[in-house]
C-alpha cells in the first residue's frame, strides 16, 4: 500500500475551501494536514470535505486565529491535542492513522508561532513565546518518546533551518524564521525525536528548497525569495518507507492563494 500525506498552511480554510477541494481532486492524498485554519470547530467546512471523499476529520480550532485540522480517507483514532505554553492556542493536533495491513502511525500536526518581527525575546513577547514553544516541544518529545514508535510530524514550523532553505542565508540571518537562535531550538526538537527530514531526503542540502513566498513581492515567481517553513519529519523507523515527495509550487500562483504551498510525501508499506 502507498500512503500519501500532505501538509498545507491554508491561511483560512473557509476563505480558500475552493483551493483545498481543487487540490484534493487533483492530487487525492490519503491524509491532509492543515494549519492556520482560522475558524472555530463549529465553523469548519465539514460538508465540503465529506463531498470530496474525506469522511474522517479531526479539528482543533479557535476564532479567527491559528487552528489545525486533519482530514483523511482512512479512519483516525486516538485523537488528542496539547496546549503548548498554556496559551489556549490551537496549534497542535495528534491522531493515529492505520494504513491497510500496517501498524498504526502517530501523526502530529503543528503550527509553531511565527514570532513577530524582532528576534529579541527581551523586547518581543511573540519571539519569546516562539522560543518557549520550541523548548516545550523538545522536552515533551523527549519525555514522551514521540518518535520511538512509527510517527510523523508535519506542519508550518515557521523556521527555515538550513542555508538553502532561504533565498539568501546572509540577508536573513537577522530575520525571524532563520536566526541562529531559532535554528538551534528547532535542531533540538529534531534531535529529541530523533526525526528524519523527509523533504531533504530528496533534495540535497546544497539545493534551494522553498514552501513559502511572501505576499509582499509584486511578482513572487520572478523574485523567488522563498523560505522552507513547512516540514515533514518521520521517525527513523519510517525512513525506509519513504517513496517520494513533491512541493506543489504552482499552487502559489492560483487565484487568491495561501502564501504557503502544499507538500506531499509518499510512504510505501
C-alpha atoms as a PDB file:
ATOM      1  CA  UNK A   1       0.000   0.000   0.000  1.00  0.00           C
ATOM      2  CA  UNK A   2       1.090   3.572  -0.670  1.00  0.00           C
ATOM      3  CA  UNK A   3       0.168   6.222   1.890  1.00  0.00           C
ATOM      4  CA  UNK A   4       0.187   9.802   0.595  1.00  0.00           C
ATOM      5  CA  UNK A   5       0.286  12.520   3.220  1.00  0.00           C
ATOM      6  CA  UNK A   6       0.044  16.262   2.568  1.00  0.00           C
ATOM      7  CA  UNK A   7       0.571  19.329   4.744  1.00  0.00           C
ATOM      8  CA  UNK A   8      -0.556  22.878   3.933  1.00  0.00           C
ATOM      9  CA  UNK A   9      -0.829  26.158   5.790  1.00  0.00           C
ATOM     10  CA  UNK A  10      -4.040  27.271   4.137  1.00  0.00           C
ATOM     11  CA  UNK A  11      -4.334  30.738   5.761  1.00  0.00           C
ATOM     12  CA  UNK A  12      -8.124  30.442   6.335  1.00  0.00           C
ATOM     13  CA  UNK A  13      -9.827  27.204   5.339  1.00  0.00           C
ATOM     14  CA  UNK A  14     -13.200  28.858   4.761  1.00  0.00           C
ATOM     15  CA  UNK A  15     -11.773  31.582   2.526  1.00  0.00           C
ATOM     16  CA  UNK A  16      -9.790  29.060   0.470  1.00  0.00           C
ATOM     17  CA  UNK A  17     -12.008  25.976   0.575  1.00  0.00           C
ATOM     18  CA  UNK A  18     -12.208  26.080  -3.223  1.00  0.00           C
ATOM     19  CA  UNK A  19      -8.421  25.791  -3.467  1.00  0.00           C
ATOM     20  CA  UNK A  20      -8.425  22.940  -0.965  1.00  0.00           C
ATOM     21  CA  UNK A  21     -11.063  20.940  -2.824  1.00  0.00           C
ATOM     22  CA  UNK A  22      -9.219  21.576  -6.099  1.00  0.00           C
ATOM     23  CA  UNK A  23      -6.034  20.235  -4.533  1.00  0.00           C
ATOM     24  CA  UNK A  24      -7.831  17.177  -3.163  1.00  0.00           C
ATOM     25  CA  UNK A  25      -9.422  16.450  -6.544  1.00  0.00           C
ATOM     26  CA  UNK A  26      -6.147  16.788  -8.432  1.00  0.00           C
ATOM     27  CA  UNK A  27      -3.774  15.042  -6.013  1.00  0.00           C
ATOM     28  CA  UNK A  28      -6.002  12.860  -3.798  1.00  0.00           C
ATOM     29  CA  UNK A  29      -3.775  12.471  -0.735  1.00  0.00           C
ATOM     30  CA  UNK A  30      -4.947   9.904   1.795  1.00  0.00           C
ATOM     31  CA  UNK A  31      -4.419  12.422   4.588  1.00  0.00           C
ATOM     32  CA  UNK A  32      -4.223  16.218   4.524  1.00  0.00           C
ATOM     33  CA  UNK A  33      -2.950  18.233   7.496  1.00  0.00           C
ATOM     34  CA  UNK A  34      -3.953  21.897   7.516  1.00  0.00           C
ATOM     35  CA  UNK A  35      -2.595  24.782   9.571  1.00  0.00           C
ATOM     36  CA  UNK A  36      -3.894  28.294  10.201  1.00  0.00           C
ATOM     37  CA  UNK A  37      -7.485  27.251   9.570  1.00  0.00           C
ATOM     38  CA  UNK A  38      -8.679  30.406  11.412  1.00  0.00           C
ATOM     39  CA  UNK A  39     -12.097  29.167  12.489  1.00  0.00           C
ATOM     40  CA  UNK A  40     -13.871  27.559  15.420  1.00  0.00           C
ATOM     41  CA  UNK A  41     -14.629  23.847  15.249  1.00  0.00           C
ATOM     42  CA  UNK A  42     -18.332  24.575  14.646  1.00  0.00           C
ATOM     43  CA  UNK A  43     -17.438  26.738  11.623  1.00  0.00           C
ATOM     44  CA  UNK A  44     -15.175  24.216   9.898  1.00  0.00           C
ATOM     45  CA  UNK A  45     -16.499  23.341   6.396  1.00  0.00           C
ATOM     46  CA  UNK A  46     -17.078  19.651   7.106  1.00  0.00           C
ATOM     47  CA  UNK A  47     -19.571  19.104   4.294  1.00  0.00           C
ATOM     48  CA  UNK A  48     -17.104  20.232   1.629  1.00  0.00           C
ATOM     49  CA  UNK A  49     -14.580  17.663   2.780  1.00  0.00           C
ATOM     50  CA  UNK A  50     -17.212  14.943   3.023  1.00  0.00           C
ATOM     51  CA  UNK A  51     -18.284  15.657  -0.565  1.00  0.00           C
ATOM     52  CA  UNK A  52     -14.625  15.418  -1.597  1.00  0.00           C
ATOM     53  CA  UNK A  53     -14.402  11.918  -0.102  1.00  0.00           C
ATOM     54  CA  UNK A  54     -12.779  12.744   3.217  1.00  0.00           C
ATOM     55  CA  UNK A  55     -15.085  11.328   5.872  1.00  0.00           C
ATOM     56  CA  UNK A  56     -12.645  11.243   8.795  1.00  0.00           C
ATOM     57  CA  UNK A  57     -11.857  14.666  10.233  1.00  0.00           C
ATOM     58  CA  UNK A  58     -10.149  15.906  13.404  1.00  0.00           C
ATOM     59  CA  UNK A  59     -10.175  19.616  14.272  1.00  0.00           C
ATOM     60  CA  UNK A  60      -8.530  21.891  16.808  1.00  0.00           C
ATOM     61  CA  UNK A  61      -9.747  25.399  16.044  1.00  0.00           C
ATOM     62  CA  UNK A  62     -10.332  28.791  17.564  1.00  0.00           C
ATOM     63  CA  UNK A  63     -11.991  32.023  16.485  1.00  0.00           C
ATOM     64  CA  UNK A  64     -10.077  33.936  13.833  1.00  0.00           C
ATOM     65  CA  UNK A  65      -6.568  32.717  14.602  1.00  0.00           C
ATOM     66  CA  UNK A  66      -4.282  29.704  14.360  1.00  0.00           C
ATOM     67  CA  UNK A  67      -6.109  26.360  14.127  1.00  0.00           C
ATOM     68  CA  UNK A  68      -5.079  22.941  12.816  1.00  0.00           C
ATOM     69  CA  UNK A  69      -7.050  20.111  11.236  1.00  0.00           C
ATOM     70  CA  UNK A  70      -6.518  16.655   9.765  1.00  0.00           C
ATOM     71  CA  UNK A  71      -8.813  15.270   7.043  1.00  0.00           C
ATOM     72  CA  UNK A  72      -8.466  11.691   5.917  1.00  0.00           C
ATOM     73  CA  UNK A  73      -9.801   8.904   3.752  1.00  0.00           C
ATOM     74  CA  UNK A  74      -8.561   6.491   6.424  1.00  0.00           C
ATOM     75  CA  UNK A  75     -10.029   6.189   9.912  1.00  0.00           C
ATOM     76  CA  UNK A  76      -8.474   8.394  12.589  1.00  0.00           C
ATOM     77  CA  UNK A  77      -8.169   7.165  16.156  1.00  0.00           C
ATOM     78  CA  UNK A  78      -6.608   8.350  19.435  1.00  0.00           C
ATOM     79  CA  UNK A  79      -7.348  11.987  18.647  1.00  0.00           C
ATOM     80  CA  UNK A  80      -5.681  14.409  21.054  1.00  0.00           C
ATOM     81  CA  UNK A  81      -4.309  17.935  21.290  1.00  0.00           C
ATOM     82  CA  UNK A  82      -1.816  19.670  23.524  1.00  0.00           C
ATOM     83  CA  UNK A  83      -1.935  23.260  24.731  1.00  0.00           C
ATOM     84  CA  UNK A  84       1.700  24.347  24.493  1.00  0.00           C
ATOM     85  CA  UNK A  85       2.786  27.166  26.810  1.00  0.00           C
ATOM     86  CA  UNK A  86      -0.701  27.236  28.410  1.00  0.00           C
ATOM     87  CA  UNK A  87      -1.792  29.921  25.954  1.00  0.00           C
ATOM     88  CA  UNK A  88      -5.042  28.300  24.902  1.00  0.00           C
ATOM     89  CA  UNK A  89      -3.934  28.448  21.264  1.00  0.00           C
ATOM     90  CA  UNK A  90      -4.984  25.785  18.757  1.00  0.00           C
ATOM     91  CA  UNK A  91      -1.538  24.835  17.467  1.00  0.00           C
ATOM     92  CA  UNK A  92      -1.314  21.050  17.786  1.00  0.00           C
ATOM     93  CA  UNK A  93      -3.361  18.020  16.828  1.00  0.00           C
ATOM     94  CA  UNK A  94      -2.423  14.346  17.037  1.00  0.00           C
ATOM     95  CA  UNK A  95      -4.133  11.253  15.633  1.00  0.00           C
ATOM     96  CA  UNK A  96      -3.348   7.662  14.819  1.00  0.00           C
ATOM     97  CA  UNK A  97      -3.627   6.645  11.167  1.00  0.00           C
ATOM     98  CA  UNK A  98      -3.697   2.967  10.239  1.00  0.00           C
ATOM     99  CA  UNK A  99      -2.705   2.155   6.641  1.00  0.00           C
ATOM    100  CA  UNK A 100      -4.219  -1.088   5.401  1.00  0.00           C
ATOM    101  CA  UNK A 101      -2.101  -4.013   6.550  1.00  0.00           C
ATOM    102  CA  UNK A 102       0.302  -1.822   8.536  1.00  0.00           C
ATOM    103  CA  UNK A 103       0.817  -0.773  12.133  1.00  0.00           C
ATOM    104  CA  UNK A 104      -0.712   2.478  13.416  1.00  0.00           C
ATOM    105  CA  UNK A 105       1.213   5.673  12.725  1.00  0.00           C
ATOM    106  CA  UNK A 106       1.106   8.535  15.211  1.00  0.00           C
ATOM    107  CA  UNK A 107       0.631  11.744  13.231  1.00  0.00           C
ATOM    108  CA  UNK A 108       1.345  15.152  14.800  1.00  0.00           C
ATOM    109  CA  UNK A 109       0.235  18.355  13.077  1.00  0.00           C
ATOM    110  CA  UNK A 110       1.873  21.585  14.344  1.00  0.00           C
ATOM    111  CA  UNK A 111       1.551  25.301  13.781  1.00  0.00           C
ATOM    112  CA  UNK A 112       4.521  26.876  15.545  1.00  0.00           C
ATOM    113  CA  UNK A 113       4.215  30.588  16.457  1.00  0.00           C
ATOM    114  CA  UNK A 114       5.629  32.938  13.822  1.00  0.00           C
ATOM    115  CA  UNK A 115       7.443  35.069  16.392  1.00  0.00           C
ATOM    116  CA  UNK A 116       6.758  38.618  15.231  1.00  0.00           C
ATOM    117  CA  UNK A 117       9.334  40.843  13.570  1.00  0.00           C
ATOM    118  CA  UNK A 118      12.040  41.496  16.169  1.00  0.00           C
ATOM    119  CA  UNK A 119      14.241  38.475  17.019  1.00  0.00           C
ATOM    120  CA  UNK A 120      14.839  39.539  20.612  1.00  0.00           C
ATOM    121  CA  UNK A 121      12.839  37.820  23.391  1.00  0.00           C
ATOM    122  CA  UNK A 122      13.676  40.646  25.799  1.00  0.00           C
ATOM    123  CA  UNK A 123      11.633  43.164  23.822  1.00  0.00           C
ATOM    124  CA  UNK A 124       9.344  40.964  21.712  1.00  0.00           C
ATOM    125  CA  UNK A 125       6.866  38.751  23.630  1.00  0.00           C
ATOM    126  CA  UNK A 126       5.914  36.940  20.405  1.00  0.00           C
ATOM    127  CA  UNK A 127       9.501  35.839  19.841  1.00  0.00           C
ATOM    128  CA  UNK A 128       9.822  34.847  23.491  1.00  0.00           C
ATOM    129  CA  UNK A 129       6.691  32.723  23.068  1.00  0.00           C
ATOM    130  CA  UNK A 130       8.107  31.072  19.953  1.00  0.00           C
ATOM    131  CA  UNK A 131      11.304  30.023  21.723  1.00  0.00           C
ATOM    132  CA  UNK A 132       9.361  28.761  24.737  1.00  0.00           C
ATOM    133  CA  UNK A 133       7.070  26.782  22.445  1.00  0.00           C
ATOM    134  CA  UNK A 134      10.041  25.101  20.779  1.00  0.00           C
ATOM    135  CA  UNK A 135      11.642  24.336  24.150  1.00  0.00           C
ATOM    136  CA  UNK A 136       8.427  22.692  25.327  1.00  0.00           C
ATOM    137  CA  UNK A 137       8.234  20.661  22.114  1.00  0.00           C
ATOM    138  CA  UNK A 138      11.760  19.401  22.742  1.00  0.00           C
ATOM    139  CA  UNK A 139      11.059  18.457  26.345  1.00  0.00           C
ATOM    140  CA  UNK A 140       7.742  16.806  25.551  1.00  0.00           C
ATOM    141  CA  UNK A 141       9.021  14.795  22.580  1.00  0.00           C
ATOM    142  CA  UNK A 142      11.946  13.556  24.611  1.00  0.00           C
ATOM    143  CA  UNK A 143       9.993  12.604  27.713  1.00  0.00           C
ATOM    144  CA  UNK A 144       7.096  11.024  25.810  1.00  0.00           C
ATOM    145  CA  UNK A 145       9.408   9.337  23.277  1.00  0.00           C
ATOM    146  CA  UNK A 146       7.112  10.518  20.484  1.00  0.00           C
ATOM    147  CA  UNK A 147       9.291   9.262  17.625  1.00  0.00           C
ATOM    148  CA  UNK A 148      10.388   5.984  19.190  1.00  0.00           C
ATOM    149  CA  UNK A 149       7.427   4.267  17.508  1.00  0.00           C
ATOM    150  CA  UNK A 150       6.104   4.843  13.984  1.00  0.00           C
ATOM    151  CA  UNK A 151       5.441   8.575  13.888  1.00  0.00           C
ATOM    152  CA  UNK A 152       5.179  11.504  11.505  1.00  0.00           C
ATOM    153  CA  UNK A 153       5.408  15.184  12.412  1.00  0.00           C
ATOM    154  CA  UNK A 154       4.238  17.790   9.915  1.00  0.00           C
ATOM    155  CA  UNK A 155       3.298  21.413   9.826  1.00  0.00           C
ATOM    156  CA  UNK A 156       4.215  25.021   9.493  1.00  0.00           C
ATOM    157  CA  UNK A 157       7.142  25.188  11.891  1.00  0.00           C
ATOM    158  CA  UNK A 158       7.853  28.806  10.889  1.00  0.00           C
ATOM    159  CA  UNK A 159      11.606  28.202  10.726  1.00  0.00           C
ATOM    160  CA  UNK A 160      13.789  27.664   7.675  1.00  0.00           C
ATOM    161  CA  UNK A 161      16.749  25.904   9.306  1.00  0.00           C
ATOM    162  CA  UNK A 162      19.237  25.266   6.520  1.00  0.00           C
ATOM    163  CA  UNK A 163      21.335  27.705   4.491  1.00  0.00           C
ATOM    164  CA  UNK A 164      19.496  26.834   1.288  1.00  0.00           C
ATOM    165  CA  UNK A 165      16.055  26.810   2.913  1.00  0.00           C
ATOM    166  CA  UNK A 166      16.046  30.581   2.290  1.00  0.00           C
ATOM    167  CA  UNK A 167      16.737  32.729  -0.747  1.00  0.00           C
ATOM    168  CA  UNK A 168      19.708  34.409   0.973  1.00  0.00           C
ATOM    169  CA  UNK A 169      21.342  32.983   4.073  1.00  0.00           C
ATOM    170  CA  UNK A 170      23.355  36.146   4.681  1.00  0.00           C
ATOM    171  CA  UNK A 171      20.409  38.529   4.232  1.00  0.00           C
ATOM    172  CA  UNK A 172      18.107  36.559   6.535  1.00  0.00           C
ATOM    173  CA  UNK A 173      20.417  35.763   9.447  1.00  0.00           C
ATOM    174  CA  UNK A 174      18.792  38.516  11.484  1.00  0.00           C
ATOM    175  CA  UNK A 175      15.276  37.951  10.149  1.00  0.00           C
ATOM    176  CA  UNK A 176      12.766  35.956  12.200  1.00  0.00           C
ATOM    177  CA  UNK A 177      12.448  32.392  10.832  1.00  0.00           C
ATOM    178  CA  UNK A 178      16.166  31.991  10.041  1.00  0.00           C
ATOM    179  CA  UNK A 179      18.031  33.405  13.042  1.00  0.00           C
ATOM    180  CA  UNK A 180      20.664  31.182  14.675  1.00  0.00           C
ATOM    181  CA  UNK A 181      18.728  31.001  17.959  1.00  0.00           C
ATOM    182  CA  UNK A 182      15.607  29.694  16.182  1.00  0.00           C
ATOM    183  CA  UNK A 183      17.591  27.236  14.095  1.00  0.00           C
ATOM    184  CA  UNK A 184      19.281  25.909  17.240  1.00  0.00           C
ATOM    185  CA  UNK A 185      15.945  25.465  19.007  1.00  0.00           C
ATOM    186  CA  UNK A 186      14.455  23.625  16.027  1.00  0.00           C
ATOM    187  CA  UNK A 187      17.512  21.390  15.848  1.00  0.00           C
ATOM    188  CA  UNK A 188      16.865  20.495  19.487  1.00  0.00           C
ATOM    189  CA  UNK A 189      13.317  19.479  18.576  1.00  0.00           C
ATOM    190  CA  UNK A 190      14.637  17.428  15.655  1.00  0.00           C
ATOM    191  CA  UNK A 191      17.209  15.614  17.789  1.00  0.00           C
ATOM    192  CA  UNK A 192      14.682  14.947  20.557  1.00  0.00           C
ATOM    193  CA  UNK A 193      12.857  12.542  18.224  1.00  0.00           C
ATOM    194  CA  UNK A 194      15.180  11.689  16.742  1.00  0.00           C
ATOM    195  CA  UNK A 195      13.467  12.609  13.478  1.00  0.00           C
ATOM    196  CA  UNK A 196      14.300  12.167   9.785  1.00  0.00           C
ATOM    197  CA  UNK A 197      13.805  15.081   7.356  1.00  0.00           C
ATOM    198  CA  UNK A 198      11.661  13.646   4.561  1.00  0.00           C
ATOM    199  CA  UNK A 199      11.966  16.621   2.208  1.00  0.00           C
ATOM    200  CA  UNK A 200      15.727  16.957   2.377  1.00  0.00           C
ATOM    201  CA  UNK A 201      15.999  13.210   1.813  1.00  0.00           C
ATOM    202  CA  UNK A 202      15.084  14.005  -1.795  1.00  0.00           C
ATOM    203  CA  UNK A 203      16.573  17.481  -2.229  1.00  0.00           C
ATOM    204  CA  UNK A 204      20.285  17.808  -1.318  1.00  0.00           C
ATOM    205  CA  UNK A 205      21.218  20.407   1.287  1.00  0.00           C
ATOM    206  CA  UNK A 206      23.130  22.452  -1.294  1.00  0.00           C
ATOM    207  CA  UNK A 207      19.985  22.953  -3.428  1.00  0.00           C
ATOM    208  CA  UNK A 208      17.330  25.610  -2.778  1.00  0.00           C
ATOM    209  CA  UNK A 209      14.001  24.369  -1.414  1.00  0.00           C
ATOM    210  CA  UNK A 210      11.069  26.647  -0.555  1.00  0.00           C
ATOM    211  CA  UNK A 211       7.444  26.169   0.566  1.00  0.00           C
ATOM    212  CA  UNK A 212       6.517  29.827   1.257  1.00  0.00           C
ATOM    213  CA  UNK A 213       6.666  33.043  -0.757  1.00  0.00           C
ATOM    214  CA  UNK A 214       5.671  36.383   0.777  1.00  0.00           C
ATOM    215  CA  UNK A 215       2.584  38.279  -0.334  1.00  0.00           C
ATOM    216  CA  UNK A 216       4.747  41.428  -0.354  1.00  0.00           C
ATOM    217  CA  UNK A 217       6.536  40.572  -3.589  1.00  0.00           C
ATOM    218  CA  UNK A 218       4.941  42.161  -6.658  1.00  0.00           C
ATOM    219  CA  UNK A 219       5.969  39.107  -8.702  1.00  0.00           C
ATOM    220  CA  UNK A 220       6.647  36.245  -6.296  1.00  0.00           C
ATOM    221  CA  UNK A 221       7.719  33.833  -9.031  1.00  0.00           C
ATOM    222  CA  UNK A 222      10.199  36.211 -10.639  1.00  0.00           C
ATOM    223  CA  UNK A 223      11.672  37.364  -7.317  1.00  0.00           C
ATOM    224  CA  UNK A 224      11.630  33.795  -5.950  1.00  0.00           C
ATOM    225  CA  UNK A 225      12.534  34.981  -2.450  1.00  0.00           C
ATOM    226  CA  UNK A 226      11.175  31.904  -0.716  1.00  0.00           C
ATOM    227  CA  UNK A 227      11.690  30.049   2.529  1.00  0.00           C
ATOM    228  CA  UNK A 228      11.122  26.430   3.602  1.00  0.00           C
ATOM    229  CA  UNK A 229       8.828  26.926   6.582  1.00  0.00           C
ATOM    230  CA  UNK A 230       6.760  23.753   6.109  1.00  0.00           C
ATOM    231  CA  UNK A 231       8.213  20.416   7.114  1.00  0.00           C
ATOM    232  CA  UNK A 232       7.584  16.686   7.127  1.00  0.00           C
ATOM    233  CA  UNK A 233       9.601  14.669   9.604  1.00  0.00           C
ATOM    234  CA  UNK A 234       9.291  10.921  10.049  1.00  0.00           C
ATOM    235  CA  UNK A 235      10.548   8.629  12.759  1.00  0.00           C
ATOM    236  CA  UNK A 236      13.703   6.738  11.861  1.00  0.00           C
ATOM    237  CA  UNK A 237      11.624   3.558  11.733  1.00  0.00           C
ATOM    238  CA  UNK A 238       9.597   5.033   8.844  1.00  0.00           C
ATOM    239  CA  UNK A 239      12.504   6.496   6.868  1.00  0.00           C
ATOM    240  CA  UNK A 240      12.965   3.301   4.806  1.00  0.00           C
ATOM    241  CA  UNK A 241       9.277   3.567   3.812  1.00  0.00           C
ATOM    242  CA  UNK A 242       9.663   6.923   2.077  1.00  0.00           C
ATOM    243  CA  UNK A 243       8.607   6.707  -1.550  1.00  0.00           C
ATOM    244  CA  UNK A 244       8.864  10.252  -2.857  1.00  0.00           C
ATOM    245  CA  UNK A 245       7.783  13.826  -2.214  1.00  0.00           C
ATOM    246  CA  UNK A 246       6.502  16.880  -4.074  1.00  0.00           C
ATOM    247  CA  UNK A 247       6.295  20.596  -3.280  1.00  0.00           C
ATOM    248  CA  UNK A 248       3.337  21.983  -5.227  1.00  0.00           C
ATOM    249  CA  UNK A 249       4.957  25.288  -6.165  1.00  0.00           C
ATOM    250  CA  UNK A 250       2.420  26.053  -8.875  1.00  0.00           C
ATOM    251  CA  UNK A 251      -0.376  26.455  -6.339  1.00  0.00           C
ATOM    252  CA  UNK A 252       1.232  29.713  -5.172  1.00  0.00           C
ATOM    253  CA  UNK A 253       0.041  31.116  -8.481  1.00  0.00           C
ATOM    254  CA  UNK A 254      -3.609  30.080  -8.042  1.00  0.00           C
ATOM    255  CA  UNK A 255      -6.238  32.790  -7.581  1.00  0.00           C
ATOM    256  CA  UNK A 256      -6.207  34.262  -4.033  1.00  0.00           C
ATOM    257  CA  UNK A 257      -3.652  31.703  -2.826  1.00  0.00           C
ATOM    258  CA  UNK A 258      -2.140  30.997   0.540  1.00  0.00           C
ATOM    259  CA  UNK A 259       1.431  32.222   0.866  1.00  0.00           C
ATOM    260  CA  UNK A 260       2.347  28.589   1.633  1.00  0.00           C
ATOM    261  CA  UNK A 261       2.057  25.687  -0.814  1.00  0.00           C
ATOM    262  CA  UNK A 262       1.112  22.049  -0.187  1.00  0.00           C
ATOM    263  CA  UNK A 263       3.826  19.486   0.410  1.00  0.00           C
ATOM    264  CA  UNK A 264       3.162  15.808  -0.345  1.00  0.00           C
ATOM    265  CA  UNK A 265       5.094  12.803   0.900  1.00  0.00           C
ATOM    266  CA  UNK A 266       4.574   9.161  -0.066  1.00  0.00           C
ATOM    267  CA  UNK A 267       5.265   6.129   2.118  1.00  0.00           C
ATOM    268  CA  UNK A 268       5.158   2.547   0.862  1.00  0.00           C
ATOM    269  CA  UNK A 269       4.122  -0.386   3.050  1.00  0.00           C
END
